[in-house]
Amino acid sequence: MAQLVDIGAFSVGQGQRPFLIAGPCVIESEQLVLETAGRIAEITRSLGMPYVFKSSFDKANRTSISSFRGPGLAQGLEVLAKVKREVGVPVLTDVHTEEQATEAGRVVDVLQIPAFLCRQTDLLVAAAKTGKVVNVKKGQFLSPQEMSNAVKKVEEAGNRRIVLTERGSSFGYNNLVVDMHSVQLPGGGGTKSAGQREFVEPLASAAAGAGVDGFFMEVHPNPDEALSDGPNMVPLHQLKSLLERVMRICDAANPRR
């Protein structure tokens, strides 16, 4: 049964104001992260929208072995801690191993389980035992109903602070099929994933009308120069107008939120 989950000073879930998880895919530099987090925080505050900053210290599932993965655990957590202190928002990051979950759990507010790892029992249990919110991204190879197994693993490890993020369903051919939540084209760029960021607004608008509890967006000041997932990112200067649109739809579809 769905329940409210506290993240920082706000709650997310049914009946709550829709929230935003957003930031650059990977930590490229401390300056970029702080500037992006600060600007997104300003935008979301103006809209009364709860906000969680996200960025990864390591992208372990990049398509090519030569792709940029991030600064690593120690340096990445230092940057995320600085975002918490200076920007004053909760932070989220991916973890790929039990050791990473334990270390990151000492700093971040939300531990994210990548979609490809959503069935990894030891990782789910380690994340759960930190007591932090656990955001499990749905594997592209699973039906939504199957995510109840991931939820049960986290709950049986003693943690009911669980958020689930839709990632679509993939039948290969470099595409996510029948999905209104993702614009990524996995592996569609040969040695990297491609994407169709022009569809972020219509898909987010459709999700808003369907009554989602929150939005997950990759955001970057200059997506064409981003070191990871650039084709899927919302340009920072376009974010405010996009969020204004989706929040108007959310308010119209669910006036009591």
C-alpha atoms as a PDB file:
ATOM      1  CA  MET A   1       0.000   0.000   0.000  1.00  0.00           C
ATOM      2  CA  ALA A   2       1.327   3.434  -0.952  1.00  0.00           C
ATOM      3  CA  GLN A   3       2.381   5.670   1.926  1.00  0.00           C
ATOM      4  CA  LEU A   4       3.912   9.086   2.408  1.00  0.00           C
ATOM      5  CA  VAL A   5       7.697   9.322   2.480  1.00  0.00           C
ATOM      6  CA  ASP A   6       9.545  12.144   4.224  1.00  0.00           C
ATOM      7  CA  ILE A   7      12.508  13.644   2.375  1.00  0.00           C
ATOM      8  CA  GLY A   8      14.149  16.483   4.237  1.00  0.00           C
ATOM      9  CA  ALA A   9      11.452  18.932   5.315  1.00  0.00           C
ATOM     10  CA  PHE A  10       8.687  17.696   2.998  1.00  0.00           C
ATOM     11  CA  SER A  11       6.633  14.585   2.305  1.00  0.00           C
ATOM     12  CA  VAL A  12       6.069  12.938  -1.068  1.00  0.00           C
ATOM     13  CA  GLY A  13       3.317  10.637  -2.218  1.00  0.00           C
ATOM     14  CA  GLN A  14      -0.399  10.561  -2.777  1.00  0.00           C
ATOM     15  CA  GLY A  15      -2.099  13.869  -2.027  1.00  0.00           C
ATOM     16  CA  GLN A  16       1.153  15.829  -1.691  1.00  0.00           C
ATOM     17  CA  ARG A  17       2.488  18.567  -3.916  1.00  0.00           C
ATOM     18  CA  PRO A  18       4.373  16.917  -6.835  1.00  0.00           C
ATOM     19  CA  PHE A  19       8.124  17.064  -6.279  1.00  0.00           C
ATOM     20  CA  LEU A  20      11.133  17.243  -8.559  1.00  0.00           C
ATOM     21  CA  ILE A  21      14.302  15.173  -8.690  1.00  0.00           C
ATOM     22  CA  ALA A  22      16.697  16.974 -11.031  1.00  0.00           C
ATOM     23  CA  GLY A  23      20.319  17.767 -11.777  1.00  0.00           C
ATOM     24  CA  PRO A  24      23.182  16.825 -14.094  1.00  0.00           C
ATOM     25  CA  CYS A  25      23.482  13.118 -14.830  1.00  0.00           C
ATOM     26  CA  VAL A  26      27.002  12.961 -13.412  1.00  0.00           C
ATOM     27  CA  ILE A  27      29.136  15.271 -11.255  1.00  0.00           C
ATOM     28  CA  GLU A  28      31.340  17.032 -13.807  1.00  0.00           C
ATOM     29  CA  SER A  29      32.722  19.711 -11.501  1.00  0.00           C
ATOM     30  CA  GLU A  30      31.910  21.258  -8.140  1.00  0.00           C
ATOM     31  CA  GLN A  31      31.170  24.628  -9.735  1.00  0.00           C
ATOM     32  CA  LEU A  32      28.732  23.238 -12.287  1.00  0.00           C
ATOM     33  CA  VAL A  33      26.929  21.208  -9.647  1.00  0.00           C
ATOM     34  CA  LEU A  34      26.563  24.103  -7.193  1.00  0.00           C
ATOM     35  CA  GLU A  35      25.433  26.564  -9.845  1.00  0.00           C
ATOM     36  CA  THR A  36      22.915  24.141 -11.336  1.00  0.00           C
ATOM     37  CA  ALA A  37      21.545  23.078  -7.954  1.00  0.00           C
ATOM     38  CA  GLY A  38      21.217  26.699  -6.855  1.00  0.00           C
ATOM     39  CA  ARG A  39      19.338  27.764  -9.970  1.00  0.00           C
ATOM     40  CA  ILE A  40      16.961  24.796  -9.877  1.00  0.00           C
ATOM     41  CA  ALA A  41      16.298  25.467  -6.197  1.00  0.00           C
ATOM     42  CA  GLU A  42      15.368  29.073  -7.012  1.00  0.00           C
ATOM     43  CA  ILE A  43      12.961  27.919  -9.738  1.00  0.00           C
ATOM     44  CA  THR A  44      11.260  25.271  -7.629  1.00  0.00           C
ATOM     45  CA  ARG A  45      10.896  27.604  -4.655  1.00  0.00           C
ATOM     46  CA  SER A  46       9.115  30.119  -6.884  1.00  0.00           C
ATOM     47  CA  LEU A  47       6.657  27.373  -7.876  1.00  0.00           C
ATOM     48  CA  GLY A  48       6.175  25.924  -4.401  1.00  0.00           C
ATOM     49  CA  MET A  49       7.593  22.631  -5.672  1.00  0.00           C
ATOM     50  CA  PRO A  50       9.618  20.393  -3.329  1.00  0.00           C
ATOM     51  CA  TYR A  51      13.035  19.641  -4.807  1.00  0.00           C
ATOM     52  CA  VAL A  52      15.727  16.954  -4.475  1.00  0.00           C
ATOM     53  CA  PHE A  53      19.066  17.571  -6.207  1.00  0.00           C
ATOM     54  CA  LYS A  54      20.500  14.555  -8.029  1.00  0.00           C
ATOM     55  CA  SER A  55      23.845  13.772  -9.552  1.00  0.00           C
ATOM     56  CA  SER A  56      26.079  10.693  -9.631  1.00  0.00           C
ATOM     57  CA  PHE A  57      29.636  10.309  -8.361  1.00  0.00           C
ATOM     58  CA  ASP A  58      30.038   7.283 -10.637  1.00  0.00           C
ATOM     59  CA  LYS A  59      28.057   6.104 -13.660  1.00  0.00           C
ATOM     60  CA  ALA A  60      29.065   2.454 -13.650  1.00  0.00           C
ATOM     61  CA  ASN A  61      26.794   1.376 -16.494  1.00  0.00           C
ATOM     62  CA  ARG A  62      28.009   3.691 -19.253  1.00  0.00           C
ATOM     63  CA  THR A  63      27.695   2.205 -22.758  1.00  0.00           C
ATOM     64  CA  SER A  64      31.408   2.571 -23.610  1.00  0.00           C
ATOM     65  CA  ILE A  65      34.379   1.706 -21.383  1.00  0.00           C
ATOM     66  CA  SER A  66      35.949   5.027 -22.399  1.00  0.00           C
ATOM     67  CA  SER A  67      32.963   7.157 -21.290  1.00  0.00           C
ATOM     68  CA  PHE A  68      33.346   9.654 -18.434  1.00  0.00           C
ATOM     69  CA  ARG A  69      32.071   8.068 -15.212  1.00  0.00           C
ATOM     70  CA  GLY A  70      32.484  10.811 -12.609  1.00  0.00           C
ATOM     71  CA  PRO A  71      34.892  11.878  -9.865  1.00  0.00           C
ATOM     72  CA  GLY A  72      34.504   8.777  -7.725  1.00  0.00           C
ATOM     73  CA  LEU A  73      32.981   8.107  -4.307  1.00  0.00           C
ATOM     74  CA  ALA A  74      35.050  10.248  -1.942  1.00  0.00           C
ATOM     75  CA  GLN A  75      35.258  13.397  -4.063  1.00  0.00           C
ATOM     76  CA  GLY A  76      31.674  13.042  -5.264  1.00  0.00           C
ATOM     77  CA  LEU A  77      30.272  12.785  -1.747  1.00  0.00           C
ATOM     78  CA  GLU A  78      32.217  15.905  -0.754  1.00  0.00           C
ATOM     79  CA  VAL A  79      30.513  17.823  -3.567  1.00  0.00           C
ATOM     80  CA  LEU A  80      27.078  16.494  -2.638  1.00  0.00           C
ATOM     81  CA  ALA A  81      27.622  17.417   1.008  1.00  0.00           C
ATOM     82  CA  LYS A  82      28.480  20.955  -0.107  1.00  0.00           C
ATOM     83  CA  VAL A  83      25.216  21.142  -2.087  1.00  0.00           C
ATOM     84  CA  LYS A  84      23.309  20.206   1.074  1.00  0.00           C
ATOM     85  CA  ARG A  85      25.115  22.864   3.116  1.00  0.00           C
ATOM     86  CA  GLU A  86      25.185  25.741   0.649  1.00  0.00           C
ATOM     87  CA  VAL A  87      22.002  25.241  -1.381  1.00  0.00           C
ATOM     88  CA  GLY A  88      19.948  23.758   1.444  1.00  0.00           C
ATOM     89  CA  VAL A  89      18.181  20.990  -0.467  1.00  0.00           C
ATOM     90  CA  PRO A  90      18.105  17.200  -0.029  1.00  0.00           C
ATOM     91  CA  VAL A  91      20.480  15.293  -2.316  1.00  0.00           C
ATOM     92  CA  LEU A  92      20.284  11.981  -4.175  1.00  0.00           C
ATOM     93  CA  THR A  93      22.922   9.815  -5.807  1.00  0.00           C
ATOM     94  CA  ASP A  94      23.203   6.392  -7.449  1.00  0.00           C
ATOM     95  CA  VAL A  95      24.906   3.500  -5.684  1.00  0.00           C
ATOM     96  CA  HIS A  96      26.096   0.310  -7.367  1.00  0.00           C
ATOM     97  CA  THR A  97      27.601  -1.745  -4.542  1.00  0.00           C
ATOM     98  CA  GLU A  98      26.835  -2.458  -0.900  1.00  0.00           C
ATOM     99  CA  GLU A  99      29.964  -0.551   0.147  1.00  0.00           C
ATOM    100  CA  GLN A 100      28.921   2.516  -1.828  1.00  0.00           C
ATOM    101  CA  ALA A 101      25.454   2.393  -0.268  1.00  0.00           C
ATOM    102  CA  THR A 102      26.906   2.389   3.236  1.00  0.00           C
ATOM    103  CA  GLU A 103      29.310   5.266   2.558  1.00  0.00           C
ATOM    104  CA  ALA A 104      26.847   7.399   0.583  1.00  0.00           C
ATOM    105  CA  GLY A 105      24.186   6.812   3.231  1.00  0.00           C
ATOM    106  CA  ARG A 106      26.297   8.854   5.652  1.00  0.00           C
ATOM    107  CA  VAL A 107      25.947  11.926   3.415  1.00  0.00           C
ATOM    108  CA  VAL A 108      22.964  11.886   1.072  1.00  0.00           C
ATOM    109  CA  ASP A 109      19.234  11.914   1.796  1.00  0.00           C
ATOM    110  CA  VAL A 110      18.192   9.492  -0.948  1.00  0.00           C
ATOM    111  CA  LEU A 111      20.048   6.436  -2.238  1.00  0.00           C
ATOM    112  CA  GLN A 112      19.092   5.561  -5.801  1.00  0.00           C
ATOM    113  CA  ILE A 113      19.203   2.018  -7.156  1.00  0.00           C
ATOM    114  CA  PRO A 114      19.869   2.097 -10.920  1.00  0.00           C
ATOM    115  CA  ALA A 115      17.293   0.381 -13.111  1.00  0.00           C
ATOM    116  CA  PHE A 116      19.698  -2.343 -14.232  1.00  0.00           C
ATOM    117  CA  LEU A 117      20.330  -3.247 -10.561  1.00  0.00           C
ATOM    118  CA  CYS A 118      16.782  -3.124  -9.209  1.00  0.00           C
ATOM    119  CA  ARG A 119      16.755  -6.889  -8.527  1.00  0.00           C
ATOM    120  CA  GLN A 120      20.135  -6.990  -6.763  1.00  0.00           C
ATOM    121  CA  THR A 121      19.108  -8.186  -3.322  1.00  0.00           C
ATOM    122  CA  ASP A 122      22.342  -7.401  -1.466  1.00  0.00           C
ATOM    123  CA  LEU A 123      22.391  -3.846  -2.836  1.00  0.00           C
ATOM    124  CA  LEU A 124      18.746  -3.231  -1.940  1.00  0.00           C
ATOM    125  CA  VAL A 125      19.294  -4.571   1.569  1.00  0.00           C
ATOM    126  CA  ALA A 126      22.442  -2.491   2.102  1.00  0.00           C
ATOM    127  CA  ALA A 127      20.649   0.665   0.965  1.00  0.00           C
ATOM    128  CA  ALA A 128      17.688  -0.147   3.191  1.00  0.00           C
ATOM    129  CA  LYS A 129      19.881  -0.608   6.259  1.00  0.00           C
ATOM    130  CA  THR A 130      21.208   2.953   6.014  1.00  0.00           C
ATOM    131  CA  GLY A 131      17.753   4.190   7.009  1.00  0.00           C
ATOM    132  CA  LYS A 132      17.805   6.709   4.170  1.00  0.00           C
ATOM    133  CA  VAL A 133      15.103   7.011   1.521  1.00  0.00           C
ATOM    134  CA  VAL A 134      15.646   4.395  -1.185  1.00  0.00           C
ATOM    135  CA  ASN A 135      14.617   5.338  -4.734  1.00  0.00           C
ATOM    136  CA  VAL A 136      14.437   2.211  -6.890  1.00  0.00           C
ATOM    137  CA  LYS A 137      14.309   2.835 -10.622  1.00  0.00           C
ATOM    138  CA  LYS A 138      12.175   0.268 -12.441  1.00  0.00           C
ATOM    139  CA  GLY A 139      14.191  -2.061 -14.624  1.00  0.00           C
ATOM    140  CA  GLN A 140      13.379  -1.677 -18.311  1.00  0.00           C
ATOM    141  CA  PHE A 141      13.031  -5.471 -18.363  1.00  0.00           C
ATOM    142  CA  LEU A 142      10.298  -5.568 -15.701  1.00  0.00           C
ATOM    143  CA  SER A 143       6.581  -4.916 -15.636  1.00  0.00           C
ATOM    144  CA  PRO A 144       5.431  -2.331 -13.093  1.00  0.00           C
ATOM    145  CA  GLN A 145       3.790  -5.086 -11.029  1.00  0.00           C
ATOM    146  CA  GLU A 146       7.108  -6.880 -10.571  1.00  0.00           C
ATOM    147  CA  MET A 147       8.527  -3.922  -8.691  1.00  0.00           C
ATOM    148  CA  SER A 148       6.600  -5.136  -5.654  1.00  0.00           C
ATOM    149  CA  ASN A 149       9.409  -7.680  -5.186  1.00  0.00           C
ATOM    150  CA  ALA A 150      12.023  -4.925  -4.936  1.00  0.00           C
ATOM    151  CA  VAL A 151       9.814  -3.050  -2.483  1.00  0.00           C
ATOM    152  CA  LYS A 152       9.433  -6.157  -0.341  1.00  0.00           C
ATOM    153  CA  LYS A 153      13.205  -6.664  -0.168  1.00  0.00           C
ATOM    154  CA  VAL A 154      13.715  -3.128   1.137  1.00  0.00           C
ATOM    155  CA  GLU A 155      10.832  -3.413   3.593  1.00  0.00           C
ATOM    156  CA  GLU A 156      12.001  -6.756   4.959  1.00  0.00           C
ATOM    157  CA  ALA A 157      15.401  -5.166   5.608  1.00  0.00           C
ATOM    158  CA  GLY A 158      13.603  -2.735   7.931  1.00  0.00           C
ATOM    159  CA  ASN A 159      13.034   0.316   5.734  1.00  0.00           C
ATOM    160  CA  ARG A 160       9.681   1.574   4.481  1.00  0.00           C
ATOM    161  CA  ARG A 161      11.030   4.878   3.111  1.00  0.00           C
ATOM    162  CA  ILE A 162      10.731   3.807  -0.522  1.00  0.00           C
ATOM    163  CA  VAL A 163      10.223   5.755  -3.744  1.00  0.00           C
ATOM    164  CA  LEU A 164       9.845   4.129  -7.170  1.00  0.00           C
ATOM    165  CA  THR A 165      10.823   5.787 -10.462  1.00  0.00           C
ATOM    166  CA  GLU A 166       9.422   4.616 -13.796  1.00  0.00           C
ATOM    167  CA  ARG A 167      11.991   3.908 -16.526  1.00  0.00           C
ATOM    168  CA  GLY A 168       9.843   2.471 -19.287  1.00  0.00           C
ATOM    169  CA  SER A 169       9.984  -0.934 -20.951  1.00  0.00           C
ATOM    170  CA  SER A 170      12.505  -1.963 -23.570  1.00  0.00           C
ATOM    171  CA  PHE A 171      12.180  -4.532 -26.314  1.00  0.00           C
ATOM    172  CA  GLY A 172      15.587  -3.738 -27.762  1.00  0.00           C
ATOM    173  CA  TYR A 173      16.073  -1.846 -31.021  1.00  0.00           C
ATOM    174  CA  ASN A 174      17.557   1.086 -29.036  1.00  0.00           C
ATOM    175  CA  ASN A 175      14.219   2.320 -27.818  1.00  0.00           C
ATOM    176  CA  LEU A 176      11.922   2.390 -24.801  1.00  0.00           C
ATOM    177  CA  VAL A 177       8.509   1.364 -26.043  1.00  0.00           C
ATOM    178  CA  VAL A 178       5.048   2.583 -24.962  1.00  0.00           C
ATOM    179  CA  ASP A 179       6.489   4.850 -22.322  1.00  0.00           C
ATOM    180  CA  MET A 180       5.535   8.367 -21.304  1.00  0.00           C
ATOM    181  CA  HIS A 181       8.300   8.773 -18.770  1.00  0.00           C
ATOM    182  CA  SER A 182      11.597   8.453 -20.635  1.00  0.00           C
ATOM    183  CA  VAL A 183      13.154  10.075 -23.699  1.00  0.00           C
ATOM    184  CA  GLN A 184      16.342   8.003 -23.595  1.00  0.00           C
ATOM    185  CA  LEU A 185      17.288   5.760 -26.532  1.00  0.00           C
ATOM    186  CA  PRO A 186      19.511   3.177 -24.803  1.00  0.00           C
ATOM    187  CA  GLY A 187      22.634   2.481 -26.839  1.00  0.00           C
ATOM    188  CA  GLY A 188      21.164   4.472 -29.710  1.00  0.00           C
ATOM    189  CA  GLY A 189      24.378   6.446 -30.171  1.00  0.00           C
ATOM    190  CA  GLY A 190      26.576   3.419 -30.775  1.00  0.00           C
ATOM    191  CA  THR A 191      29.077   3.859 -27.950  1.00  0.00           C
ATOM    192  CA  LYS A 192      26.638   5.922 -25.892  1.00  0.00           C
ATOM    193  CA  SER A 193      22.935   6.335 -25.317  1.00  0.00           C
ATOM    194  CA  ALA A 194      21.013   8.752 -27.486  1.00  0.00           C
ATOM    195  CA  GLY A 195      17.846  10.649 -26.617  1.00  0.00           C
ATOM    196  CA  GLN A 196      15.014  12.876 -27.772  1.00  0.00           C
ATOM    197  CA  ARG A 197      14.907  15.807 -25.370  1.00  0.00           C
ATOM    198  CA  GLU A 198      12.340  17.553 -27.586  1.00  0.00           C
ATOM    199  CA  PHE A 199       9.756  15.156 -26.151  1.00  0.00           C
ATOM    200  CA  VAL A 200      10.438  15.952 -22.488  1.00  0.00           C
ATOM    201  CA  GLU A 201       7.717  18.608 -22.299  1.00  0.00           C
ATOM    202  CA  PRO A 202       4.856  16.657 -23.951  1.00  0.00           C
ATOM    203  CA  LEU A 203       5.683  13.477 -22.036  1.00  0.00           C
ATOM    204  CA  ALA A 204       6.025  15.319 -18.727  1.00  0.00           C
ATOM    205  CA  SER A 205       2.738  17.077 -19.437  1.00  0.00           C
ATOM    206  CA  ALA A 206       1.038  13.737 -20.077  1.00  0.00           C
ATOM    207  CA  ALA A 207       2.472  12.361 -16.843  1.00  0.00           C
ATOM    208  CA  ALA A 208       1.231  15.456 -14.979  1.00  0.00           C
ATOM    209  CA  GLY A 209      -2.277  14.888 -16.306  1.00  0.00           C
ATOM    210  CA  ALA A 210      -2.097  11.252 -15.210  1.00  0.00           C
ATOM    211  CA  GLY A 211      -1.473  12.365 -11.629  1.00  0.00           C
ATOM    212  CA  VAL A 212       2.148  11.386 -10.943  1.00  0.00           C
ATOM    213  CA  ASP A 213       3.628  12.135  -7.535  1.00  0.00           C
ATOM    214  CA  GLY A 214       6.844  13.605  -8.914  1.00  0.00           C
ATOM    215  CA  PHE A 215       9.142  14.197 -11.864  1.00  0.00           C
ATOM    216  CA  PHE A 216      12.682  12.994 -12.553  1.00  0.00           C
ATOM    217  CA  MET A 217      14.668  15.124 -14.995  1.00  0.00           C
ATOM    218  CA  GLU A 218      18.256  15.366 -16.123  1.00  0.00           C
ATOM    219  CA  VAL A 219      19.124  19.095 -16.245  1.00  0.00           C
ATOM    220  CA  HIS A 220      22.318  20.766 -17.468  1.00  0.00           C
ATOM    221  CA  PRO A 221      23.367  24.341 -18.354  1.00  0.00           C
ATOM    222  CA  ASN A 222      24.620  23.144 -21.742  1.00  0.00           C
ATOM    223  CA  PRO A 223      23.428  19.606 -22.585  1.00  0.00           C
ATOM    224  CA  ASP A 224      25.342  19.464 -25.863  1.00  0.00           C
ATOM    225  CA  GLU A 225      28.586  19.703 -23.891  1.00  0.00           C
ATOM    226  CA  ALA A 226      27.530  17.402 -21.040  1.00  0.00           C
ATOM    227  CA  LEU A 227      29.832  14.481 -20.268  1.00  0.00           C
ATOM    228  CA  SER A 228      26.948  12.029 -19.778  1.00  0.00           C
ATOM    229  CA  ASP A 229      23.401  11.711 -21.137  1.00  0.00           C
ATOM    230  CA  GLY A 230      23.425  15.080 -22.913  1.00  0.00           C
ATOM    231  CA  PRO A 231      20.729  14.157 -25.494  1.00  0.00           C
ATOM    232  CA  ASN A 232      18.238  13.474 -22.691  1.00  0.00           C
ATOM    233  CA  MET A 233      18.874  16.594 -20.632  1.00  0.00           C
ATOM    234  CA  VAL A 234      16.643  19.625 -20.244  1.00  0.00           C
ATOM    235  CA  PRO A 235      18.623  22.851 -20.845  1.00  0.00           C
ATOM    236  CA  LEU A 236      18.691  24.765 -17.564  1.00  0.00           C
ATOM    237  CA  HIS A 237      17.384  27.953 -19.179  1.00  0.00           C
ATOM    238  CA  GLN A 238      14.251  26.089 -20.351  1.00  0.00           C
ATOM    239  CA  LEU A 239      13.453  24.436 -17.031  1.00  0.00           C
ATOM    240  CA  LYS A 240      11.324  27.183 -15.479  1.00  0.00           C
ATOM    241  CA  SER A 241       8.846  27.388 -18.354  1.00  0.00           C
ATOM    242  CA  LEU A 242       8.650  23.587 -18.511  1.00  0.00           C
ATOM    243  CA  LEU A 243       7.908  23.262 -14.805  1.00  0.00           C
ATOM    244  CA  GLU A 244       5.385  26.082 -14.908  1.00  0.00           C
ATOM    245  CA  ARG A 245       3.494  24.177 -17.600  1.00  0.00           C
ATOM    246  CA  VAL A 246       3.517  20.802 -15.865  1.00  0.00           C
ATOM    247  CA  MET A 247       2.556  22.300 -12.510  1.00  0.00           C
ATOM    248  CA  ARG A 248      -0.421  24.063 -14.076  1.00  0.00           C
ATOM    249  CA  ILE A 249      -1.535  20.698 -15.424  1.00  0.00           C
ATOM    250  CA  CYS A 250      -0.949  19.048 -12.036  1.00  0.00           C
ATOM    251  CA  ASP A 251      -3.025  21.717 -10.317  1.00  0.00           C
ATOM    252  CA  ALA A 252      -5.841  21.361 -12.843  1.00  0.00           C
ATOM    253  CA  ALA A 253      -5.846  17.560 -12.641  1.00  0.00           C
ATOM    254  CA  ASN A 254      -5.553  17.441  -8.844  1.00  0.00           C
ATOM    255  CA  PRO A 255      -6.836  20.751  -7.424  1.00  0.00           C
ATOM    256  CA  ARG A 256      -6.657  19.518  -3.818  1.00  0.00           C
ATOM    257  CA  ARG A 257      -2.867  19.006  -3.862  1.00  0.00           C
END
